[in-house]
């Protein structure tokens, strides 16, 4: 007997009995919810990898015209990478992939960056 060809069957929806306000009330539902979240993250990561491979192929095929011809793939790839990965769940989407603070420098004072100013640190004149 061999493996069955086809699609693997698993529960695609989150558990019905999971309570987000009290996640430890039902430990089985909590673990099922965690598995669901991890599975969805892996699916999103793999979709981004597929788009990245399509983008590489488009760059190779189009050559110098890749800016115009592959723009839609770039936008799809960048949108697919927002919010996926581990540890980025609670950060706003505008922060993903963009350093919001400049590296530490003893002579500089850190200032919050805005969307308009990519280079936004102040140098203390006294040092």
N, C-alpha and C. Protein backbone atom coordinates (compact mmCIF):
# COMPACT_ATOMS: atom_id res chain seq x y z
N UNK A 1 0.83 -1.17 0.00
CA UNK A 1 0.00 0.00 0.00
C UNK A 1 0.88 1.24 0.00
N UNK A 2 0.51 2.16 -0.79
CA UNK A 2 1.25 3.40 -0.88
C UNK A 2 0.45 4.56 -0.32
N UNK A 3 1.00 5.69 -0.50
CA UNK A 3 0.31 6.89 -0.03
C UNK A 3 -0.83 7.23 -0.98
N UNK A 4 -1.86 7.81 -0.41
CA UNK A 4 -2.98 8.25 -1.23
C UNK A 4 -2.59 9.54 -1.93
N UNK A 5 -2.87 9.62 -3.19
CA UNK A 5 -2.58 10.85 -3.91
C UNK A 5 -3.74 11.80 -3.70
N UNK A 6 -3.41 13.04 -3.52
CA UNK A 6 -4.46 14.03 -3.32
C UNK A 6 -4.04 15.04 -2.27
N UNK A 7 -5.03 15.64 -1.72
CA UNK A 7 -4.79 16.71 -0.76
C UNK A 7 -4.92 16.17 0.65
N UNK A 8 -4.01 16.56 1.51
CA UNK A 8 -4.10 16.16 2.91
C UNK A 8 -5.32 16.80 3.55
N UNK A 9 -5.97 16.05 4.40
CA UNK A 9 -7.17 16.56 5.05
C UNK A 9 -6.83 17.00 6.47
N UNK A 10 -7.18 18.21 6.80
CA UNK A 10 -7.05 18.72 8.15
C UNK A 10 -8.06 19.83 8.34
N UNK A 11 -8.32 20.12 9.57
CA UNK A 11 -9.31 21.15 9.91
C UNK A 11 -8.74 22.52 9.53
N UNK A 12 -9.41 23.23 8.64
CA UNK A 12 -8.91 24.52 8.17
C UNK A 12 -9.43 25.69 8.98
N UNK A 13 -10.43 25.48 9.78
CA UNK A 13 -11.00 26.59 10.55
C UNK A 13 -10.48 26.55 11.98
N UNK A 14 -10.47 27.70 12.65
CA UNK A 14 -10.04 27.70 14.05
C UNK A 14 -11.06 26.95 14.91
N UNK A 15 -10.64 26.50 16.08
CA UNK A 15 -11.58 25.77 16.94
C UNK A 15 -12.74 26.65 17.37
N UNK A 16 -13.92 26.05 17.43
CA UNK A 16 -15.12 26.80 17.79
C UNK A 16 -15.17 27.14 19.27
N UNK A 17 -14.59 26.29 20.12
CA UNK A 17 -14.73 26.48 21.55
C UNK A 17 -13.59 27.28 22.17
N UNK A 18 -12.76 27.95 21.38
CA UNK A 18 -11.67 28.76 21.92
C UNK A 18 -12.19 30.11 22.34
N UNK A 19 -11.84 30.52 23.56
CA UNK A 19 -12.27 31.81 24.11
C UNK A 19 -11.04 32.71 24.21
N UNK A 20 -10.90 33.75 23.35
CA UNK A 20 -9.71 34.61 23.40
C UNK A 20 -9.59 35.41 24.69
N UNK A 21 -10.70 35.69 25.37
CA UNK A 21 -10.62 36.45 26.62
C UNK A 21 -10.07 35.59 27.76
N UNK A 22 -10.25 34.28 27.69
CA UNK A 22 -9.72 33.37 28.70
C UNK A 22 -9.15 32.15 27.98
N UNK A 23 -7.95 32.26 27.41
CA UNK A 23 -7.43 31.18 26.58
C UNK A 23 -7.11 29.91 27.35
N UNK A 24 -6.82 30.01 28.66
CA UNK A 24 -6.42 28.84 29.43
C UNK A 24 -7.61 28.07 30.00
N UNK A 25 -8.82 28.52 29.71
CA UNK A 25 -10.00 27.83 30.21
C UNK A 25 -10.09 26.43 29.63
N UNK A 26 -9.85 26.31 28.34
CA UNK A 26 -9.88 25.01 27.67
C UNK A 26 -8.51 24.77 27.03
N UNK A 27 -7.63 23.98 27.69
CA UNK A 27 -6.28 23.81 27.16
C UNK A 27 -6.24 23.12 25.79
N UNK A 28 -7.18 22.24 25.53
CA UNK A 28 -7.20 21.56 24.23
C UNK A 28 -7.52 22.56 23.12
N UNK A 29 -8.51 23.42 23.37
CA UNK A 29 -8.86 24.44 22.37
C UNK A 29 -7.72 25.42 22.19
N UNK A 30 -6.99 25.73 23.28
CA UNK A 30 -5.85 26.64 23.17
C UNK A 30 -4.77 26.04 22.27
N UNK A 31 -4.48 24.76 22.46
CA UNK A 31 -3.46 24.11 21.63
C UNK A 31 -3.92 24.00 20.18
N UNK A 32 -5.20 23.72 19.97
CA UNK A 32 -5.71 23.67 18.60
C UNK A 32 -5.63 25.04 17.94
N UNK A 33 -5.91 26.10 18.71
CA UNK A 33 -5.81 27.45 18.16
C UNK A 33 -4.37 27.79 17.82
N UNK A 34 -3.44 27.39 18.69
CA UNK A 34 -2.03 27.64 18.42
C UNK A 34 -1.59 26.91 17.15
N UNK A 35 -2.01 25.66 17.00
CA UNK A 35 -1.69 24.91 15.78
C UNK A 35 -2.29 25.58 14.55
N UNK A 36 -3.50 26.08 14.68
CA UNK A 36 -4.15 26.77 13.57
C UNK A 36 -3.36 28.02 13.17
N UNK A 37 -2.94 28.81 14.15
CA UNK A 37 -2.18 30.04 13.87
C UNK A 37 -0.85 29.70 13.20
N UNK A 38 -0.16 28.68 13.73
CA UNK A 38 1.12 28.28 13.15
C UNK A 38 0.94 27.79 11.72
N UNK A 39 -0.11 26.99 11.48
CA UNK A 39 -0.37 26.48 10.13
C UNK A 39 -0.65 27.63 9.16
N UNK A 40 -1.45 28.61 9.59
CA UNK A 40 -1.75 29.76 8.73
C UNK A 40 -0.50 30.58 8.45
N UNK A 41 0.38 30.73 9.45
CA UNK A 41 1.63 31.46 9.22
C UNK A 41 2.50 30.74 8.20
N UNK A 42 2.60 29.41 8.32
CA UNK A 42 3.42 28.66 7.37
C UNK A 42 2.85 28.74 5.97
N UNK A 43 1.54 28.73 5.85
CA UNK A 43 0.92 28.86 4.53
C UNK A 43 1.26 30.22 3.93
N UNK A 44 1.18 31.28 4.74
CA UNK A 44 1.52 32.62 4.24
C UNK A 44 2.99 32.72 3.85
N UNK A 45 3.86 32.10 4.64
CA UNK A 45 5.29 32.12 4.33
C UNK A 45 5.56 31.39 3.01
N UNK A 46 4.95 30.25 2.82
CA UNK A 46 5.16 29.49 1.59
C UNK A 46 4.59 30.21 0.37
N UNK A 47 3.46 30.90 0.53
CA UNK A 47 2.93 31.70 -0.58
C UNK A 47 3.92 32.80 -0.96
N UNK A 48 4.53 33.43 0.06
CA UNK A 48 5.52 34.47 -0.22
C UNK A 48 6.73 33.88 -0.95
N UNK A 49 7.14 32.68 -0.58
CA UNK A 49 8.26 32.04 -1.26
C UNK A 49 7.94 31.76 -2.73
N UNK A 50 6.72 31.32 -2.99
CA UNK A 50 6.31 31.06 -4.38
C UNK A 50 6.33 32.35 -5.18
N UNK A 51 5.81 33.43 -4.59
CA UNK A 51 5.84 34.73 -5.29
C UNK A 51 7.27 35.20 -5.52
N UNK A 52 8.16 34.94 -4.56
CA UNK A 52 9.56 35.33 -4.72
C UNK A 52 10.20 34.59 -5.88
N UNK A 53 9.90 33.30 -6.01
CA UNK A 53 10.44 32.54 -7.14
C UNK A 53 9.90 33.05 -8.47
N UNK A 54 8.62 33.38 -8.52
CA UNK A 54 8.05 33.96 -9.75
C UNK A 54 8.72 35.28 -10.08
N UNK A 55 8.99 36.07 -9.05
CA UNK A 55 9.65 37.36 -9.25
C UNK A 55 11.07 37.18 -9.78
N UNK A 56 11.81 36.22 -9.23
CA UNK A 56 13.16 35.94 -9.74
C UNK A 56 13.11 35.53 -11.21
N UNK A 57 12.16 34.66 -11.54
CA UNK A 57 12.03 34.22 -12.92
C UNK A 57 11.71 35.41 -13.83
N UNK A 58 10.80 36.28 -13.39
CA UNK A 58 10.43 37.46 -14.18
C UNK A 58 11.64 38.37 -14.38
N UNK A 59 12.44 38.57 -13.34
CA UNK A 59 13.64 39.41 -13.48
C UNK A 59 14.59 38.82 -14.52
N UNK A 60 14.77 37.50 -14.49
CA UNK A 60 15.68 36.86 -15.44
C UNK A 60 15.16 36.96 -16.87
N UNK A 61 13.88 36.73 -17.05
CA UNK A 61 13.30 36.72 -18.40
C UNK A 61 13.23 38.12 -18.99
N UNK A 62 12.79 39.09 -18.21
CA UNK A 62 12.54 40.43 -18.73
C UNK A 62 13.79 41.27 -18.87
N UNK A 63 14.83 40.96 -18.12
CA UNK A 63 16.08 41.70 -18.25
C UNK A 63 15.94 43.16 -17.84
N UNK A 64 16.32 44.08 -18.75
CA UNK A 64 16.31 45.50 -18.41
C UNK A 64 14.91 46.07 -18.26
N UNK A 65 13.91 45.40 -18.77
CA UNK A 65 12.53 45.89 -18.67
C UNK A 65 11.81 45.38 -17.42
N UNK A 66 12.55 44.80 -16.49
CA UNK A 66 11.89 44.19 -15.33
C UNK A 66 11.18 45.22 -14.45
N UNK A 67 11.59 46.48 -14.49
CA UNK A 67 10.91 47.50 -13.68
C UNK A 67 9.45 47.66 -14.10
N UNK A 68 9.19 47.62 -15.38
CA UNK A 68 7.81 47.77 -15.85
C UNK A 68 7.07 46.43 -15.87
N UNK A 69 7.74 45.39 -16.34
CA UNK A 69 7.07 44.11 -16.57
C UNK A 69 6.80 43.32 -15.29
N UNK A 70 7.62 43.51 -14.27
CA UNK A 70 7.50 42.71 -13.05
C UNK A 70 6.94 43.50 -11.87
N UNK A 71 6.48 44.70 -12.12
CA UNK A 71 6.00 45.56 -11.03
C UNK A 71 4.85 44.92 -10.26
N UNK A 72 3.93 44.28 -10.97
CA UNK A 72 2.79 43.67 -10.29
C UNK A 72 3.24 42.54 -9.37
N UNK A 73 4.27 41.79 -9.76
CA UNK A 73 4.79 40.73 -8.90
C UNK A 73 5.49 41.31 -7.68
N UNK A 74 6.20 42.42 -7.87
CA UNK A 74 6.86 43.06 -6.73
C UNK A 74 5.82 43.51 -5.71
N UNK A 75 4.75 44.13 -6.19
CA UNK A 75 3.71 44.59 -5.28
C UNK A 75 3.04 43.42 -4.57
N UNK A 76 2.78 42.34 -5.28
CA UNK A 76 2.19 41.16 -4.65
C UNK A 76 3.13 40.57 -3.61
N UNK A 77 4.43 40.49 -3.95
CA UNK A 77 5.40 39.91 -3.02
C UNK A 77 5.54 40.76 -1.76
N UNK A 78 5.65 42.08 -1.93
CA UNK A 78 5.78 42.95 -0.77
C UNK A 78 4.53 42.90 0.10
N UNK A 79 3.37 42.86 -0.51
CA UNK A 79 2.14 42.77 0.27
C UNK A 79 2.04 41.42 0.99
N UNK A 80 2.54 40.37 0.36
CA UNK A 80 2.46 39.05 0.99
C UNK A 80 3.44 38.92 2.16
N UNK A 81 4.49 39.73 2.19
CA UNK A 81 5.45 39.64 3.30
C UNK A 81 5.10 40.53 4.47
N UNK A 82 4.10 41.35 4.36
CA UNK A 82 3.70 42.20 5.48
C UNK A 82 2.97 41.37 6.53
N UNK A 83 3.50 41.42 7.73
CA UNK A 83 2.81 40.76 8.83
C UNK A 83 3.03 39.28 8.95
N UNK A 84 3.81 38.67 8.06
CA UNK A 84 4.08 37.25 8.22
C UNK A 84 5.43 37.09 8.88
N UNK A 85 5.68 35.93 9.36
CA UNK A 85 6.91 35.67 10.08
C UNK A 85 6.61 35.56 11.56
N UNK A 86 7.64 35.46 12.35
CA UNK A 86 7.47 35.22 13.77
C UNK A 86 7.86 36.47 14.54
N UNK A 87 7.02 36.90 15.45
CA UNK A 87 7.31 38.02 16.32
C UNK A 87 6.91 39.37 15.77
N UNK A 88 6.19 39.43 14.67
CA UNK A 88 5.80 40.71 14.10
C UNK A 88 4.30 40.96 14.23
N UNK A 89 3.63 40.17 15.01
CA UNK A 89 2.18 40.26 15.06
C UNK A 89 1.68 41.58 15.63
N UNK A 90 2.37 42.11 16.62
CA UNK A 90 1.85 43.28 17.31
C UNK A 90 2.43 44.59 16.79
N UNK A 91 3.25 44.53 15.76
CA UNK A 91 3.80 45.75 15.18
C UNK A 91 2.87 46.25 14.09
N UNK A 92 2.72 47.57 13.97
CA UNK A 92 1.90 48.10 12.87
C UNK A 92 2.51 47.73 11.52
N UNK A 93 1.67 47.63 10.49
CA UNK A 93 2.15 47.24 9.17
C UNK A 93 3.16 48.23 8.61
N UNK A 94 3.08 49.48 9.01
CA UNK A 94 4.02 50.47 8.48
C UNK A 94 5.43 50.23 9.00
N UNK A 95 5.59 49.48 10.08
CA UNK A 95 6.91 49.24 10.66
C UNK A 95 7.62 48.04 10.04
N UNK A 96 6.92 47.17 9.35
CA UNK A 96 7.53 45.94 8.88
C UNK A 96 8.57 46.23 7.81
N UNK A 97 9.78 45.82 8.09
CA UNK A 97 10.85 45.97 7.12
C UNK A 97 11.47 47.35 7.08
N UNK A 98 10.98 48.28 7.89
CA UNK A 98 11.51 49.64 7.89
C UNK A 98 12.05 49.94 9.28
N UNK A 99 13.35 50.20 9.43
CA UNK A 99 13.85 50.56 10.75
C UNK A 99 13.31 51.92 11.17
N UNK A 100 12.69 51.98 12.31
CA UNK A 100 12.07 53.22 12.74
C UNK A 100 13.02 54.08 13.57
N UNK A 101 14.11 53.53 14.09
CA UNK A 101 15.08 54.28 14.87
C UNK A 101 16.44 54.11 14.22
N UNK A 102 17.20 55.17 14.25
CA UNK A 102 18.55 55.09 13.71
C UNK A 102 19.44 54.32 14.68
N UNK A 103 20.55 53.75 14.22
CA UNK A 103 21.45 53.05 15.12
C UNK A 103 21.98 53.98 16.20
N UNK A 104 22.34 53.41 17.33
CA UNK A 104 22.80 54.21 18.45
C UNK A 104 24.12 54.87 18.13
N UNK A 105 24.21 56.14 18.45
CA UNK A 105 25.42 56.93 18.28
C UNK A 105 25.52 57.81 19.52
N UNK A 106 26.68 57.83 20.21
CA UNK A 106 26.76 58.62 21.45
C UNK A 106 26.53 60.11 21.23
N UNK A 107 26.73 60.60 20.03
CA UNK A 107 26.54 62.02 19.76
C UNK A 107 25.16 62.34 19.21
N UNK A 108 24.34 61.36 19.02
CA UNK A 108 23.05 61.63 18.41
C UNK A 108 21.93 61.46 19.43
N UNK A 109 20.86 62.14 19.16
CA UNK A 109 19.66 62.01 19.98
C UNK A 109 18.62 61.32 19.11
N UNK A 110 18.04 60.24 19.63
CA UNK A 110 17.06 59.51 18.84
C UNK A 110 15.76 60.30 18.75
N UNK A 111 15.25 60.37 17.56
CA UNK A 111 13.99 61.06 17.30
C UNK A 111 13.12 60.12 16.50
N UNK A 112 11.84 60.10 16.78
CA UNK A 112 10.94 59.22 16.04
C UNK A 112 10.92 59.60 14.57
N UNK A 113 10.97 58.60 13.72
CA UNK A 113 10.95 58.83 12.28
C UNK A 113 9.51 58.99 11.81
N UNK A 114 9.34 59.78 10.80
CA UNK A 114 8.02 59.89 10.18
C UNK A 114 8.10 59.26 8.80
N UNK A 115 6.97 59.10 8.16
CA UNK A 115 6.95 58.49 6.84
C UNK A 115 7.65 59.38 5.81
N UNK A 116 7.64 60.70 6.03
CA UNK A 116 8.20 61.62 5.05
C UNK A 116 9.71 61.73 5.14
N UNK A 117 10.26 61.51 6.32
CA UNK A 117 11.69 61.72 6.53
C UNK A 117 12.38 60.40 6.81
N UNK A 118 13.06 59.81 5.84
CA UNK A 118 13.76 58.56 6.13
C UNK A 118 15.01 58.77 6.97
N UNK A 119 15.63 59.94 6.89
CA UNK A 119 16.84 60.23 7.66
C UNK A 119 16.47 61.28 8.70
N UNK A 120 16.20 60.84 9.92
CA UNK A 120 15.59 61.76 10.87
C UNK A 120 16.27 61.73 12.23
N UNK A 121 17.55 61.86 12.28
CA UNK A 121 18.19 61.95 13.58
C UNK A 121 18.82 63.30 13.75
N UNK A 122 18.92 63.72 14.97
CA UNK A 122 19.48 65.03 15.27
C UNK A 122 20.85 64.84 15.90
N UNK A 123 21.79 65.67 15.51
CA UNK A 123 23.12 65.65 16.09
C UNK A 123 23.17 66.74 17.16
N UNK A 124 23.63 66.35 18.34
CA UNK A 124 23.79 67.35 19.39
C UNK A 124 25.00 68.22 19.07
N UNK A 125 24.82 69.50 19.03
CA UNK A 125 25.89 70.42 18.64
C UNK A 125 26.95 70.53 19.73
N UNK A 126 26.61 70.25 20.98
CA UNK A 126 27.55 70.43 22.08
C UNK A 126 28.60 69.36 22.20
N UNK A 127 28.47 68.23 21.51
CA UNK A 127 29.42 67.13 21.69
C UNK A 127 30.38 67.06 20.56
